[in-house]
Amino acid sequence: MTVGEAIRAAAEHLAPTSDTARLDAELLMAHALGMNRSDMLLKAMREPAPESFPALVGRRAAHEPVAYITGEAEFYGLTLAVTPATLIPRSDSETLVEAALQSVGDSGRALDLGTGSGALLLAVLANCSGWQGIGVDASADALAVAVRNAASLGLVQRSQWLVRNWHEAGWSDDLGTFDLLLCNPPYVEAAAELEPQVSAWEPASALFAGSAGLDDYLVLIPQLRALMNPQAAAILEIGANQGDAVAAIAEAAGFACTLRRDLAGRARALILQA
């Protein structure tokens, strides 16, 4: 069977599992071949399919995310390592990066709260050469992935990665203050029904935040002012239906809020300023 034939067969097999079955099959085949998808489509479609490919398709058919199978995901033009210790960066979160890049100056300090793979902070640092940043996460395993990504992008000298938990007293005492705060906290309602590729594979601690999905906002937002320089902005990711609720929490803490929507027009981020 050729690469092209194997991809077509895999796409049919994956159709009940994935809304992007053809793309999934192509990404898995490119991974099996050790080449990028564009080169595969141009140069390898008539080559023999590798023996490792069916096992990869079987993993995807069991709802394992493609990013965990290949070990990487694309985010804001960057290729990032991901593991089951981290959420998979999603294009919706690029809304936060766009908002940050529109608001920052030539230099400053950024703090990424719940950094996971480091996606938000690394995207900002990669596009702002005068900036430095700190990424914090409660998971040491997640931070190990962020460190790998910083190294692969040549951003080790401008970044620091610390195990911190904003539910614990004193977690931020030695961090100083910042010109930009970024945060994609857990915000999924505990009873929410998620796709199997999310619920069975991505870390629950980075997804769920109580019955209304607001628990982490309630804990974190009142602590933000002490971390912010004058004129700083804190940019928080929110669920599509959480704009009013999170804004109310922020306004009660003395912040002015600006809503940003993603490319699909859904509420995606709140910009908080004192």
Protein backbone atom coordinates (compact mmCIF):
# COMPACT_ATOMS: atom_id res chain seq x y z
CA MET A 1 0.00 0.00 0.00
CA THR A 2 1.31 3.44 -0.90
CA VAL A 3 1.37 6.41 1.45
CA GLY A 4 -1.57 7.95 -0.39
CA GLU A 5 -3.62 4.78 -0.26
CA ALA A 6 -2.87 4.28 3.43
CA ILE A 7 -3.92 7.85 4.21
CA ARG A 8 -7.23 7.39 2.40
CA ALA A 9 -7.93 4.15 4.25
CA ALA A 10 -6.99 5.69 7.58
CA ALA A 11 -9.24 8.70 6.98
CA GLU A 12 -12.19 6.39 6.41
CA HIS A 13 -11.32 4.44 9.57
CA LEU A 14 -11.04 7.61 11.64
CA ALA A 15 -14.21 9.28 10.36
CA PRO A 16 -16.35 8.07 13.32
CA THR A 17 -13.70 9.36 15.75
CA SER A 18 -12.68 12.71 14.33
CA ASP A 19 -14.18 15.65 12.46
CA THR A 20 -10.74 16.13 10.87
CA ALA A 21 -10.09 12.52 9.91
CA ARG A 22 -8.17 13.26 6.70
CA LEU A 23 -5.94 15.85 8.37
CA ASP A 24 -5.34 13.50 11.29
CA ALA A 25 -4.31 10.74 8.92
CA GLU A 26 -1.94 13.04 7.05
CA LEU A 27 -0.31 14.32 10.25
CA LEU A 28 0.15 10.80 11.58
CA MET A 29 1.64 9.61 8.29
CA ALA A 30 4.05 12.55 8.16
CA HIS A 31 5.11 11.69 11.71
CA ALA A 32 5.62 8.05 10.76
CA LEU A 33 7.74 9.12 7.80
CA GLY A 34 9.77 11.60 9.86
CA MET A 35 8.95 14.52 7.59
CA ASN A 36 6.65 17.51 7.59
CA ARG A 37 3.19 17.28 6.09
CA SER A 38 3.90 19.63 3.18
CA ASP A 39 6.93 17.65 2.05
CA MET A 40 5.02 14.40 2.41
CA LEU A 41 2.16 15.64 0.22
CA LEU A 42 4.59 16.85 -2.43
CA LYS A 43 7.14 14.05 -2.45
CA ALA A 44 6.02 10.87 -0.73
CA MET A 45 2.45 9.99 -1.67
CA ARG A 46 3.53 7.13 -3.98
CA GLU A 47 6.13 5.74 -1.61
CA PRO A 48 5.43 2.56 0.41
CA ALA A 49 3.53 3.25 3.63
CA PRO A 50 5.66 2.69 6.77
CA GLU A 51 4.87 -0.31 8.95
CA SER A 52 4.49 1.92 12.02
CA PHE A 53 1.50 3.80 10.59
CA PRO A 54 -1.37 1.40 11.48
CA ALA A 55 -0.45 1.50 15.17
CA LEU A 56 -0.61 5.30 15.13
CA VAL A 57 -4.02 5.20 13.49
CA GLY A 58 -5.18 2.72 16.12
CA ARG A 59 -4.18 5.12 18.87
CA ARG A 60 -6.13 7.94 17.22
CA ALA A 61 -9.14 5.65 16.78
CA ALA A 62 -9.06 5.19 20.58
CA HIS A 63 -9.47 9.00 20.87
CA GLU A 64 -5.85 9.78 21.77
CA PRO A 65 -5.17 13.32 20.48
CA VAL A 66 -2.91 13.61 17.46
CA ALA A 67 -0.68 16.05 19.34
CA TYR A 68 0.04 13.49 22.06
CA ILE A 69 0.77 10.81 19.47
CA THR A 70 3.20 13.00 17.54
CA GLY A 71 4.45 14.81 20.65
CA GLU A 72 4.02 18.29 19.22
CA ALA A 73 1.49 21.00 18.38
CA GLU A 74 1.56 24.23 16.39
CA PHE A 75 0.77 27.48 18.18
CA TYR A 76 1.17 31.02 16.86
CA GLY A 77 3.72 29.87 14.30
CA LEU A 78 5.73 27.89 16.85
CA THR A 79 6.18 24.12 17.02
CA LEU A 80 5.84 23.12 20.67
CA ALA A 81 6.40 19.84 22.44
CA VAL A 82 3.35 18.58 24.32
CA THR A 83 2.73 15.60 26.58
CA PRO A 84 -0.27 14.39 28.58
CA ALA A 85 1.08 16.55 31.43
CA THR A 86 0.07 19.67 29.46
CA LEU A 87 -3.02 20.91 27.73
CA ILE A 88 -2.72 20.95 23.96
CA PRO A 89 -2.38 24.59 22.83
CA ARG A 90 -5.37 25.64 20.77
CA SER A 91 -5.74 28.33 18.15
CA ASP A 92 -8.46 30.00 20.25
CA SER A 93 -5.78 30.91 22.81
CA GLU A 94 -3.89 32.86 20.15
CA THR A 95 -6.45 35.60 20.92
CA LEU A 96 -4.51 36.25 24.15
CA VAL A 97 -1.22 36.52 22.28
CA GLU A 98 -2.71 38.96 19.76
CA ALA A 99 -4.09 41.09 22.59
CA ALA A 100 -0.73 41.02 24.38
CA LEU A 101 1.29 42.00 21.31
CA GLN A 102 -1.03 44.94 20.69
CA SER A 103 -0.56 46.24 24.21
CA VAL A 104 3.13 45.75 25.03
CA GLY A 105 6.06 48.14 24.60
CA ASP A 106 9.59 47.41 23.43
CA SER A 107 10.66 45.84 26.73
CA GLY A 108 9.18 44.54 29.95
CA ARG A 109 8.49 41.56 32.18
CA ALA A 110 5.72 39.03 31.58
CA LEU A 111 4.24 36.40 33.88
CA ASP A 112 2.40 33.37 32.51
CA LEU A 113 0.17 31.81 35.16
CA GLY A 114 -0.55 28.11 34.66
CA THR A 115 1.91 28.04 31.79
CA GLY A 116 1.62 24.35 30.82
CA SER A 117 3.68 23.89 27.67
CA GLY A 118 4.76 27.54 27.88
CA ALA A 119 2.74 28.41 24.78
CA LEU A 120 1.49 31.88 25.74
CA LEU A 121 4.72 33.18 27.24
CA LEU A 122 6.93 31.73 24.52
CA ALA A 123 4.75 33.19 21.76
CA VAL A 124 5.09 36.64 23.33
CA LEU A 125 8.85 36.32 23.90
CA ALA A 126 9.40 35.02 20.37
CA ASN A 127 7.75 38.16 19.00
CA CYS A 128 9.11 40.68 21.53
CA SER A 129 12.89 40.54 21.66
CA GLY A 130 13.18 43.04 24.50
CA TRP A 131 10.96 41.09 26.88
CA GLN A 132 11.71 38.57 29.60
CA GLY A 133 9.27 36.35 31.40
CA ILE A 134 8.45 33.82 34.07
CA GLY A 135 6.14 30.87 33.62
CA VAL A 136 4.62 29.22 36.68
CA ASP A 137 2.63 26.03 37.01
CA ALA A 138 1.56 23.72 39.81
CA SER A 139 2.81 20.73 37.77
CA ALA A 140 6.55 20.03 37.65
CA ASP A 141 5.93 17.66 34.73
CA ALA A 142 4.28 20.43 32.74
CA LEU A 143 7.15 22.81 33.49
CA ALA A 144 9.64 20.26 32.21
CA VAL A 145 7.85 20.48 28.85
CA ALA A 146 7.94 24.29 28.94
CA VAL A 147 11.70 24.20 29.60
CA ARG A 148 12.17 21.91 26.58
CA ASN A 149 10.19 24.32 24.43
CA ALA A 150 12.14 27.34 25.64
CA ALA A 151 15.36 25.53 24.77
CA SER A 152 14.20 24.51 21.31
CA LEU A 153 13.17 28.10 20.55
CA GLY A 154 16.37 29.65 21.89
CA LEU A 155 14.51 31.47 24.67
CA VAL A 156 16.16 29.96 27.75
CA GLN A 157 18.07 33.13 28.60
CA ARG A 158 14.91 35.24 28.61
CA SER A 159 12.65 32.87 30.53
CA GLN A 160 12.37 31.27 33.95
CA TRP A 161 10.08 28.41 34.96
CA LEU A 162 8.89 27.87 38.52
CA VAL A 163 6.61 25.39 40.29
CA ARG A 164 3.97 27.56 41.95
CA ASN A 165 0.33 27.08 42.96
CA TRP A 166 -1.85 30.16 43.34
CA HIS A 167 -4.02 28.30 45.84
CA GLU A 168 -1.09 28.25 48.31
CA ALA A 169 -0.17 31.14 50.58
CA GLY A 170 3.01 32.99 49.63
CA TRP A 171 3.29 31.50 46.16
CA SER A 172 4.11 34.86 44.54
CA ASP A 173 6.05 36.60 47.31
CA ASP A 174 9.41 36.52 45.49
CA LEU A 175 8.26 37.08 41.92
CA GLY A 176 8.23 40.88 41.83
CA THR A 177 5.94 42.85 39.55
CA PHE A 178 5.21 42.64 35.85
CA ASP A 179 4.10 44.66 32.85
CA LEU A 180 2.02 41.83 31.39
CA LEU A 181 0.21 38.90 32.97
CA LEU A 182 -1.12 36.01 30.88
CA CYS A 183 -3.32 33.23 32.16
CA ASN A 184 -5.30 30.35 30.70
CA PRO A 185 -6.67 28.93 33.97
CA PRO A 186 -8.93 25.92 34.47
CA TYR A 187 -12.43 27.15 33.60
CA VAL A 188 -14.53 24.13 32.60
CA GLU A 189 -17.62 23.33 34.67
CA ALA A 190 -17.24 20.12 36.65
CA ALA A 191 -20.31 18.54 35.02
CA ALA A 192 -19.45 19.60 31.45
CA GLU A 193 -19.51 16.90 28.80
CA LEU A 194 -16.29 17.01 26.83
CA GLU A 195 -15.14 15.11 23.78
CA PRO A 196 -13.41 11.83 24.70
CA GLN A 197 -10.11 13.07 23.27
CA VAL A 198 -10.22 15.82 25.90
CA SER A 199 -11.86 14.18 28.91
CA ALA A 200 -9.89 10.93 28.70
CA TRP A 201 -6.49 12.37 27.82
CA GLU A 202 -5.87 15.99 28.81
CA PRO A 203 -5.03 16.80 32.46
CA ALA A 204 -8.20 17.33 34.51
CA SER A 205 -6.36 19.69 36.87
CA ALA A 206 -5.87 22.12 33.98
CA LEU A 207 -9.48 21.86 32.80
CA PHE A 208 -12.01 21.83 35.64
CA ALA A 209 -12.74 24.63 38.09
CA GLY A 210 -15.81 23.82 40.17
CA SER A 211 -19.50 23.69 39.39
CA ALA A 212 -19.55 26.96 37.42
CA GLY A 213 -15.96 26.85 36.15
CA LEU A 214 -15.15 30.00 38.13
CA ASP A 215 -13.23 28.69 41.14
CA ASP A 216 -9.77 29.64 39.89
CA TYR A 217 -10.86 33.12 38.80
CA LEU A 218 -12.26 33.71 42.30
CA VAL A 219 -8.93 32.76 43.87
CA LEU A 220 -6.56 34.32 41.36
CA ILE A 221 -8.06 37.63 40.27
CA PRO A 222 -7.93 39.28 43.73
CA GLN A 223 -4.20 38.45 43.83
CA LEU A 224 -3.29 40.01 40.49
CA ARG A 225 -2.99 43.67 41.47
CA ALA A 226 -0.01 42.96 43.73
CA LEU A 227 1.81 41.46 40.72
CA MET A 228 1.15 44.33 38.31
CA ASN A 229 3.19 47.43 37.59
CA PRO A 230 1.32 50.68 36.91
CA GLN A 231 -0.25 50.53 33.43
CA ALA A 232 0.16 46.73 33.32
CA ALA A 233 -2.45 44.48 31.73
CA ALA A 234 -3.61 41.04 32.81
CA ILE A 235 -5.09 38.97 29.98
CA LEU A 236 -7.20 35.98 31.02
CA GLU A 237 -8.71 33.30 28.83
CA ILE A 238 -12.39 32.64 29.52
CA GLY A 239 -15.07 30.24 28.37
CA ALA A 240 -17.42 31.44 25.66
CA ASN A 241 -20.26 32.00 28.14
CA GLN A 242 -18.22 33.34 31.06
CA GLY A 243 -17.60 36.93 30.03
CA ASP A 244 -20.13 38.55 32.36
CA ALA A 245 -19.32 36.32 35.33
CA VAL A 246 -15.54 36.77 35.15
CA ALA A 247 -15.91 40.50 34.48
CA ALA A 248 -18.02 40.79 37.63
CA ILE A 249 -15.26 39.11 39.66
CA ALA A 250 -12.65 41.41 38.15
CA GLU A 251 -14.69 44.57 38.64
CA ALA A 252 -15.29 43.63 42.29
CA ALA A 253 -11.50 43.48 42.63
CA GLY A 254 -11.17 46.99 41.18
CA PHE A 255 -10.28 46.21 37.57
CA ALA A 256 -11.63 47.66 34.35
CA CYS A 257 -12.33 44.95 31.77
CA THR A 258 -12.18 44.75 27.99
CA LEU A 259 -13.57 41.70 26.19
CA ARG A 260 -11.75 40.15 23.24
CA ARG A 261 -13.35 37.64 20.89
CA ASP A 262 -11.71 34.84 18.93
CA LEU A 263 -11.89 34.36 15.17
CA ALA A 264 -15.23 32.58 15.52
CA GLY A 265 -16.70 35.57 17.32
CA ARG A 266 -16.84 33.86 20.71
CA ALA A 267 -15.85 35.58 23.94
CA ARG A 268 -12.30 34.35 24.56
CA ALA A 269 -10.28 36.77 26.70
CA LEU A 270 -10.68 39.55 29.22
CA ILE A 271 -8.07 42.29 29.49
CA LEU A 272 -7.88 43.59 33.07
CA GLN A 273 -6.35 46.94 33.95
CA ALA A 274 -6.28 48.72 37.28
